[in-house]
Amino acid sequence: MTESTEIETKKDKIKYQVPEYNPQHILSPEFQGTSNYEVGVADMVKQKAEELEKLQQNPEAKSFQIKQAQEDLKKLETLYENYNMGMNVFRTAKGGRDKIHD
């Protein structure tokens, strides 16, 4: 088993205990209660997924182009997931800053 498959296996076993983010007060509807970074990366993920689908359907597409698009999509998805999960920890924390106000 290679190191990357070991890491993937460990990743699949991890269960995150962060509650789902359910925004109550949304200041900018275009961000749906998230950040402009998350919306931007999500848009890039969608664009890259569409690009990959077109490449896979194109018989003239080179295998390296498809592989590069797959890697790019995976990187973007990872960026989104890491940022979103990290932010959700702070978004859902209750009472975390209470000590500062004392």
N, C-alpha and C. Protein backbone atom coordinates (compact mmCIF):
# COMPACT_ATOMS: atom_id res chain seq x y z
N MET A 1 0.85 -1.18 0.00
CA MET A 1 0.00 0.00 0.00
C MET A 1 0.89 1.24 0.00
N THR A 2 0.62 2.16 -0.91
CA THR A 2 1.43 3.36 -0.99
C THR A 2 1.00 4.36 0.08
N GLU A 3 1.84 5.35 0.27
CA GLU A 3 1.57 6.35 1.30
C GLU A 3 0.27 7.12 1.01
N SER A 4 0.04 7.45 -0.27
CA SER A 4 -1.16 8.22 -0.61
C SER A 4 -2.44 7.40 -0.38
N THR A 5 -2.40 6.09 -0.66
CA THR A 5 -3.59 5.28 -0.41
C THR A 5 -3.82 5.09 1.08
N GLU A 6 -2.73 5.03 1.86
CA GLU A 6 -2.87 4.94 3.32
C GLU A 6 -3.53 6.20 3.86
N ILE A 7 -3.12 7.35 3.34
CA ILE A 7 -3.69 8.62 3.78
C ILE A 7 -5.17 8.69 3.39
N GLU A 8 -5.50 8.27 2.17
CA GLU A 8 -6.89 8.27 1.73
C GLU A 8 -7.74 7.35 2.61
N THR A 9 -7.18 6.19 2.98
CA THR A 9 -7.91 5.25 3.83
C THR A 9 -8.17 5.86 5.19
N LYS A 10 -7.15 6.51 5.77
CA LYS A 10 -7.32 7.16 7.07
C LYS A 10 -8.36 8.28 6.97
N LYS A 11 -8.32 9.03 5.85
CA LYS A 11 -9.26 10.13 5.66
C LYS A 11 -10.69 9.62 5.64
N ASP A 12 -10.91 8.47 5.00
CA ASP A 12 -12.26 7.92 4.91
C ASP A 12 -12.77 7.47 6.28
N LYS A 13 -11.88 7.10 7.19
CA LYS A 13 -12.28 6.61 8.50
C LYS A 13 -12.64 7.74 9.47
N ILE A 14 -12.14 8.95 9.20
CA ILE A 14 -12.36 10.09 10.10
C ILE A 14 -13.80 10.54 10.01
N LYS A 15 -14.42 10.74 11.15
CA LYS A 15 -15.78 11.28 11.20
C LYS A 15 -15.71 12.64 11.88
N TYR A 16 -16.13 13.66 11.16
CA TYR A 16 -16.10 15.00 11.71
C TYR A 16 -17.32 15.23 12.58
N GLN A 17 -17.10 15.88 13.70
CA GLN A 17 -18.18 16.10 14.66
C GLN A 17 -18.63 17.55 14.67
N VAL A 18 -18.29 18.29 13.64
CA VAL A 18 -18.70 19.68 13.56
C VAL A 18 -20.15 19.71 13.09
N PRO A 19 -21.02 20.40 13.81
CA PRO A 19 -22.42 20.47 13.37
C PRO A 19 -22.53 21.20 12.03
N GLU A 20 -23.54 20.87 11.29
CA GLU A 20 -23.77 21.52 10.01
C GLU A 20 -24.05 22.99 10.21
N TYR A 21 -23.48 23.82 9.35
CA TYR A 21 -23.66 25.27 9.44
C TYR A 21 -25.01 25.65 8.85
N ASN A 22 -25.83 26.27 9.66
CA ASN A 22 -27.15 26.71 9.24
C ASN A 22 -27.28 28.18 9.60
N PRO A 23 -26.91 29.07 8.68
CA PRO A 23 -26.90 30.50 9.00
C PRO A 23 -28.29 31.05 9.31
N GLN A 24 -28.39 31.81 10.37
CA GLN A 24 -29.66 32.41 10.77
C GLN A 24 -29.80 33.84 10.23
N HIS A 25 -28.69 34.56 10.15
CA HIS A 25 -28.70 35.95 9.70
C HIS A 25 -27.74 36.08 8.52
N ILE A 26 -28.28 36.28 7.34
CA ILE A 26 -27.46 36.39 6.13
C ILE A 26 -27.43 37.85 5.70
N LEU A 27 -26.22 38.43 5.69
CA LEU A 27 -26.08 39.83 5.33
C LEU A 27 -26.06 40.04 3.82
N SER A 28 -25.38 39.13 3.10
CA SER A 28 -25.28 39.23 1.64
C SER A 28 -25.85 37.96 1.02
N PRO A 29 -27.05 38.03 0.47
CA PRO A 29 -27.70 36.83 -0.07
C PRO A 29 -26.89 36.11 -1.14
N GLU A 30 -26.05 36.85 -1.89
CA GLU A 30 -25.28 36.21 -2.95
C GLU A 30 -24.23 35.23 -2.41
N PHE A 31 -23.89 35.34 -1.13
CA PHE A 31 -22.92 34.42 -0.53
C PHE A 31 -23.59 33.30 0.26
N GLN A 32 -24.91 33.30 0.36
CA GLN A 32 -25.69 32.25 1.02
C GLN A 32 -25.20 31.95 2.45
N GLY A 33 -24.74 32.96 3.14
CA GLY A 33 -24.28 32.77 4.51
C GLY A 33 -22.85 32.27 4.62
N THR A 34 -22.15 32.19 3.49
CA THR A 34 -20.74 31.76 3.51
C THR A 34 -19.89 32.95 3.10
N SER A 35 -18.64 32.70 2.77
CA SER A 35 -17.73 33.78 2.39
C SER A 35 -17.62 33.88 0.88
N ASN A 36 -17.13 35.02 0.41
CA ASN A 36 -16.92 35.19 -1.02
C ASN A 36 -15.85 34.21 -1.53
N TYR A 37 -14.90 33.83 -0.67
CA TYR A 37 -13.89 32.84 -1.04
C TYR A 37 -14.55 31.50 -1.35
N GLU A 38 -15.45 31.06 -0.48
CA GLU A 38 -16.13 29.78 -0.69
C GLU A 38 -16.98 29.80 -1.96
N VAL A 39 -17.68 30.88 -2.20
CA VAL A 39 -18.50 31.00 -3.39
C VAL A 39 -17.61 30.99 -4.63
N GLY A 40 -16.49 31.70 -4.58
CA GLY A 40 -15.56 31.75 -5.70
C GLY A 40 -14.95 30.40 -6.01
N VAL A 41 -14.51 29.69 -4.98
CA VAL A 41 -13.91 28.36 -5.19
C VAL A 41 -14.98 27.38 -5.67
N ALA A 42 -16.18 27.48 -5.15
CA ALA A 42 -17.27 26.60 -5.60
C ALA A 42 -17.56 26.83 -7.08
N ASP A 43 -17.53 28.10 -7.51
CA ASP A 43 -17.72 28.40 -8.93
C ASP A 43 -16.60 27.79 -9.78
N MET A 44 -15.36 27.89 -9.29
CA MET A 44 -14.23 27.31 -10.02
C MET A 44 -14.34 25.79 -10.08
N VAL A 45 -14.83 25.16 -9.02
CA VAL A 45 -15.04 23.70 -9.02
C VAL A 45 -16.06 23.34 -10.09
N LYS A 46 -17.14 24.09 -10.16
CA LYS A 46 -18.18 23.82 -11.15
C LYS A 46 -17.63 23.97 -12.57
N GLN A 47 -16.87 25.03 -12.82
CA GLN A 47 -16.28 25.26 -14.14
C GLN A 47 -15.32 24.14 -14.52
N LYS A 48 -14.49 23.74 -13.57
CA LYS A 48 -13.50 22.69 -13.85
C LYS A 48 -14.19 21.36 -14.09
N ALA A 49 -15.27 21.07 -13.37
CA ALA A 49 -16.03 19.83 -13.58
C ALA A 49 -16.64 19.82 -14.98
N GLU A 50 -17.17 20.95 -15.41
CA GLU A 50 -17.74 21.05 -16.76
C GLU A 50 -16.65 20.87 -17.82
N GLU A 51 -15.49 21.48 -17.58
CA GLU A 51 -14.36 21.35 -18.50
C GLU A 51 -13.91 19.89 -18.60
N LEU A 52 -13.83 19.22 -17.47
CA LEU A 52 -13.43 17.82 -17.44
C LEU A 52 -14.43 16.96 -18.20
N GLU A 53 -15.71 17.22 -18.01
CA GLU A 53 -16.75 16.45 -18.70
C GLU A 53 -16.64 16.62 -20.22
N LYS A 54 -16.39 17.87 -20.65
CA LYS A 54 -16.22 18.12 -22.09
C LYS A 54 -14.99 17.39 -22.63
N LEU A 55 -13.90 17.41 -21.88
CA LEU A 55 -12.69 16.71 -22.31
C LEU A 55 -12.93 15.21 -22.42
N GLN A 56 -13.65 14.65 -21.46
CA GLN A 56 -13.90 13.20 -21.46
C GLN A 56 -14.80 12.80 -22.62
N GLN A 57 -15.66 13.69 -23.07
CA GLN A 57 -16.55 13.39 -24.18
C GLN A 57 -15.90 13.66 -25.54
N ASN A 58 -14.80 14.40 -25.54
CA ASN A 58 -14.11 14.76 -26.78
C ASN A 58 -13.14 13.64 -27.17
N PRO A 59 -13.35 12.98 -28.31
CA PRO A 59 -12.46 11.89 -28.71
C PRO A 59 -11.06 12.37 -29.09
N GLU A 60 -10.91 13.66 -29.37
CA GLU A 60 -9.61 14.21 -29.74
C GLU A 60 -8.81 14.69 -28.53
N ALA A 61 -9.38 14.65 -27.37
CA ALA A 61 -8.69 15.12 -26.16
C ALA A 61 -7.54 14.19 -25.81
N LYS A 62 -6.46 14.77 -25.40
CA LYS A 62 -5.27 14.01 -25.01
C LYS A 62 -5.44 13.50 -23.59
N SER A 63 -4.86 12.36 -23.31
CA SER A 63 -4.99 11.75 -21.98
C SER A 63 -4.36 12.64 -20.91
N PHE A 64 -3.26 13.33 -21.25
CA PHE A 64 -2.62 14.20 -20.25
C PHE A 64 -3.51 15.39 -19.91
N GLN A 65 -4.31 15.87 -20.89
CA GLN A 65 -5.23 16.97 -20.62
C GLN A 65 -6.32 16.53 -19.65
N ILE A 66 -6.83 15.33 -19.85
CA ILE A 66 -7.87 14.80 -18.97
C ILE A 66 -7.31 14.58 -17.58
N LYS A 67 -6.10 14.02 -17.51
CA LYS A 67 -5.48 13.78 -16.20
C LYS A 67 -5.23 15.09 -15.47
N GLN A 68 -4.75 16.10 -16.18
CA GLN A 68 -4.50 17.41 -15.57
C GLN A 68 -5.79 18.03 -15.06
N ALA A 69 -6.85 17.93 -15.84
CA ALA A 69 -8.14 18.48 -15.42
C ALA A 69 -8.66 17.75 -14.18
N GLN A 70 -8.47 16.42 -14.11
CA GLN A 70 -8.88 15.65 -12.94
C GLN A 70 -8.11 16.10 -11.70
N GLU A 71 -6.80 16.29 -11.86
CA GLU A 71 -5.97 16.75 -10.73
C GLU A 71 -6.37 18.15 -10.28
N ASP A 72 -6.62 19.02 -11.25
CA ASP A 72 -7.03 20.39 -10.92
C ASP A 72 -8.36 20.39 -10.15
N LEU A 73 -9.30 19.57 -10.62
CA LEU A 73 -10.59 19.47 -9.95
C LEU A 73 -10.43 18.95 -8.53
N LYS A 74 -9.60 17.95 -8.35
CA LYS A 74 -9.38 17.39 -7.01
C LYS A 74 -8.77 18.44 -6.08
N LYS A 75 -7.82 19.22 -6.58
CA LYS A 75 -7.20 20.28 -5.76
C LYS A 75 -8.22 21.33 -5.35
N LEU A 76 -9.05 21.75 -6.30
CA LEU A 76 -10.07 22.75 -5.99
C LEU A 76 -11.08 22.23 -4.98
N GLU A 77 -11.48 20.98 -5.15
CA GLU A 77 -12.43 20.38 -4.19
C GLU A 77 -11.81 20.31 -2.80
N THR A 78 -10.53 19.99 -2.73
CA THR A 78 -9.84 19.91 -1.44
C THR A 78 -9.73 21.29 -0.80
N LEU A 79 -9.39 22.31 -1.62
CA LEU A 79 -9.33 23.68 -1.09
C LEU A 79 -10.67 24.09 -0.50
N TYR A 80 -11.74 23.82 -1.23
CA TYR A 80 -13.07 24.18 -0.75
C TYR A 80 -13.41 23.43 0.53
N GLU A 81 -13.19 22.13 0.52
CA GLU A 81 -13.55 21.30 1.68
C GLU A 81 -12.77 21.73 2.93
N ASN A 82 -11.47 21.94 2.79
CA ASN A 82 -10.65 22.32 3.94
C ASN A 82 -11.07 23.67 4.51
N TYR A 83 -11.27 24.64 3.65
CA TYR A 83 -11.66 25.97 4.12
C TYR A 83 -13.05 25.92 4.75
N ASN A 84 -13.99 25.27 4.07
CA ASN A 84 -15.36 25.21 4.54
C ASN A 84 -15.44 24.51 5.89
N MET A 85 -14.78 23.39 6.04
CA MET A 85 -14.84 22.65 7.31
C MET A 85 -14.17 23.45 8.43
N GLY A 86 -13.05 24.08 8.12
CA GLY A 86 -12.37 24.90 9.13
C GLY A 86 -13.22 26.07 9.57
N MET A 87 -13.88 26.72 8.61
CA MET A 87 -14.73 27.86 8.95
C MET A 87 -15.97 27.41 9.71
N ASN A 88 -16.50 26.26 9.39
CA ASN A 88 -17.70 25.78 10.08
C ASN A 88 -17.44 25.53 11.56
N VAL A 89 -16.20 25.20 11.91
CA VAL A 89 -15.86 25.04 13.32
C VAL A 89 -16.09 26.37 14.04
N PHE A 90 -15.64 27.47 13.44
CA PHE A 90 -15.79 28.78 14.05
C PHE A 90 -17.22 29.29 13.95
N ARG A 91 -17.88 28.99 12.84
CA ARG A 91 -19.25 29.46 12.65
C ARG A 91 -20.22 28.82 13.62
N THR A 92 -19.96 27.59 13.98
CA THR A 92 -20.90 26.87 14.85
C THR A 92 -20.49 26.88 16.31
N ALA A 93 -19.32 27.43 16.63
CA ALA A 93 -18.87 27.48 18.02
C ALA A 93 -19.76 28.42 18.82
N LYS A 94 -20.13 27.99 19.99
CA LYS A 94 -20.96 28.82 20.85
C LYS A 94 -20.20 29.10 22.14
N GLY A 95 -20.13 30.37 22.49
CA GLY A 95 -19.47 30.75 23.73
C GLY A 95 -17.96 30.76 23.66
N GLY A 96 -17.39 30.63 22.49
CA GLY A 96 -15.95 30.57 22.35
C GLY A 96 -15.24 31.86 22.68
N ARG A 97 -15.93 33.00 22.51
CA ARG A 97 -15.32 34.29 22.76
C ARG A 97 -15.84 34.96 24.02
N ASP A 98 -16.63 34.26 24.80
CA ASP A 98 -17.22 34.84 26.01
C ASP A 98 -16.16 35.33 26.98
N LYS A 99 -15.05 34.64 27.07
CA LYS A 99 -13.99 35.01 28.03
C LYS A 99 -13.37 36.35 27.67
N ILE A 100 -13.37 36.70 26.41
CA ILE A 100 -12.75 37.94 25.96
C ILE A 100 -13.53 39.15 26.49
N HIS A 101 -14.82 39.05 26.62
CA HIS A 101 -15.65 40.19 27.03
C HIS A 101 -15.64 40.43 28.53
N ASP A 102 -15.10 39.53 29.31
CA ASP A 102 -15.08 39.71 30.78
C ASP A 102 -14.09 40.74 31.24
